[in-house]
Amino acid sequence: MTAIHHVAVVVDDLEKSIGFYTGALGFRLSAERPVTLGPGAWLDVGDQQLHLIAGSPGPARGQHFAVLVDDLDAEVRRLRAEGFDVSDPVPVGAARQSFLADPSGNAIELHEK
């Protein structure tokens, strides 16, 4: 195995979530998702994808996914300026991380190597 191809998260407001991921995080909406899968969306981020599944998300119990960022401080400043609640960067080993939540409450880690 060489990499993760995609991660799926359940969201309670599909359109609001698409707007968050494409606007705030800069993911790209993919047109390749088969319509037979029901409500949802595929988003491209680098060589990977995030799959949004319309439904009722369960409570967050440490579940999250991480996106790599080049400049964590700049991303935190940008997202805070746009009104998002982002945790202060903290060291994790040789890396640093911050967290924010999507509109459905799913945790997103911003990870800087």
Protein backbone atom coordinates (compact mmCIF):
# COMPACT_ATOMS: atom_id res chain seq x y z
CA MET A 1 0.00 0.00 0.00
CA THR A 2 1.29 3.44 -0.87
CA ALA A 3 -1.32 6.04 0.11
CA ILE A 4 -4.92 6.69 1.10
CA HIS A 5 -7.07 7.37 -1.96
CA HIS A 6 -10.07 8.88 -0.19
CA VAL A 7 -11.78 9.45 3.13
CA ALA A 8 -15.56 9.62 3.55
CA VAL A 9 -17.42 11.75 6.09
CA VAL A 10 -21.13 12.03 6.78
CA VAL A 11 -22.57 15.56 6.63
CA ASP A 12 -26.03 16.79 7.54
CA ASP A 13 -26.16 19.70 5.05
CA LEU A 14 -24.57 18.65 1.77
CA GLU A 15 -24.68 22.03 0.01
CA LYS A 16 -23.33 23.94 3.02
CA SER A 17 -20.56 21.33 3.40
CA ILE A 18 -19.63 21.53 -0.29
CA GLY A 19 -19.39 25.32 0.09
CA PHE A 20 -17.17 24.96 3.17
CA TYR A 21 -14.77 22.46 1.63
CA THR A 22 -14.51 24.20 -1.75
CA GLY A 23 -14.49 27.74 -0.33
CA ALA A 24 -12.68 27.69 3.00
CA LEU A 25 -10.35 24.76 2.28
CA GLY A 26 -9.99 25.07 -1.50
CA PHE A 27 -10.95 21.48 -2.39
CA ARG A 28 -12.25 20.96 -5.95
CA LEU A 29 -15.66 19.43 -6.68
CA SER A 30 -15.31 16.35 -8.90
CA ALA A 31 -17.86 15.54 -11.59
CA GLU A 32 -16.85 11.84 -11.61
CA ARG A 33 -19.18 10.70 -8.79
CA PRO A 34 -21.82 8.24 -10.03
CA VAL A 35 -25.35 9.57 -9.42
CA THR A 36 -26.47 6.04 -8.48
CA LEU A 37 -24.70 6.42 -5.11
CA GLY A 38 -27.40 8.73 -3.74
CA PRO A 39 -26.87 12.17 -2.21
CA GLY A 40 -23.24 13.10 -1.76
CA ALA A 41 -20.21 14.66 -3.42
CA TRP A 42 -16.63 13.83 -4.28
CA LEU A 43 -14.01 16.48 -3.69
CA ASP A 44 -10.44 16.42 -4.97
CA VAL A 45 -7.57 17.59 -2.78
CA GLY A 46 -4.16 16.94 -4.30
CA ASP A 47 -4.02 13.29 -5.37
CA GLN A 48 -6.67 12.24 -2.85
CA GLN A 49 -10.40 12.67 -2.47
CA LEU A 50 -12.86 13.49 0.26
CA HIS A 51 -16.26 11.86 -0.15
CA LEU A 52 -19.18 13.67 1.45
CA ILE A 53 -22.12 11.40 2.29
CA ALA A 54 -25.46 13.07 3.06
CA GLY A 55 -26.89 11.80 6.34
CA SER A 56 -26.78 12.21 10.10
CA PRO A 57 -23.21 12.29 11.38
CA GLY A 58 -22.49 10.47 14.60
CA PRO A 59 -20.90 12.20 17.57
CA ALA A 60 -17.25 13.09 17.17
CA ARG A 61 -15.20 10.64 19.22
CA GLY A 62 -11.72 11.43 18.04
CA GLN A 63 -12.69 10.74 14.44
CA HIS A 64 -11.08 13.19 12.03
CA PHE A 65 -8.98 13.45 8.94
CA ALA A 66 -5.90 15.55 8.35
CA VAL A 67 -4.82 17.72 5.45
CA LEU A 68 -1.21 18.72 4.90
CA VAL A 69 -0.49 22.44 4.78
CA ASP A 70 2.74 24.20 3.88
CA ASP A 71 2.36 27.10 6.32
CA LEU A 72 0.16 26.30 9.32
CA ASP A 73 0.37 29.78 10.81
CA ALA A 74 -0.79 31.37 7.53
CA GLU A 75 -3.70 28.90 7.19
CA VAL A 76 -4.82 29.48 10.78
CA ARG A 77 -4.71 33.28 10.27
CA ARG A 78 -6.62 33.02 6.97
CA LEU A 79 -9.33 30.74 8.35
CA ARG A 80 -9.76 32.83 11.50
CA ALA A 81 -10.05 35.98 9.34
CA GLU A 82 -12.88 34.22 7.48
CA GLY A 83 -14.64 33.62 10.81
CA PHE A 84 -13.73 29.99 11.51
CA ASP A 85 -12.80 28.75 14.98
CA VAL A 86 -9.35 27.16 14.62
CA SER A 87 -7.26 25.87 17.53
CA ASP A 88 -3.81 27.30 18.15
CA PRO A 89 -0.99 25.33 16.47
CA VAL A 90 0.64 22.79 18.78
CA PRO A 91 3.71 20.60 18.26
CA VAL A 92 3.24 16.89 17.64
CA GLY A 93 6.64 15.22 17.41
CA ALA A 94 8.54 17.06 14.67
CA ALA A 95 5.29 18.40 13.18
CA ARG A 96 2.56 20.87 14.23
CA GLN A 97 -1.22 20.71 14.05
CA SER A 98 -4.39 22.75 14.51
CA PHE A 99 -8.04 21.68 14.39
CA LEU A 100 -11.30 23.10 13.11
CA ALA A 101 -14.73 21.60 12.41
CA ASP A 102 -16.80 21.46 9.25
CA PRO A 103 -20.45 22.64 9.33
CA SER A 104 -21.56 19.14 10.46
CA GLY A 105 -19.08 19.01 13.34
CA ASN A 106 -16.55 16.67 11.69
CA ALA A 107 -13.04 17.44 12.97
CA ILE A 108 -10.38 18.47 10.46
CA GLU A 109 -6.71 18.52 11.37
CA LEU A 110 -4.43 20.97 9.63
CA HIS A 111 -1.03 19.26 9.69
CA GLU A 112 2.32 20.87 8.96
CA LYS A 113 5.43 18.70 8.66
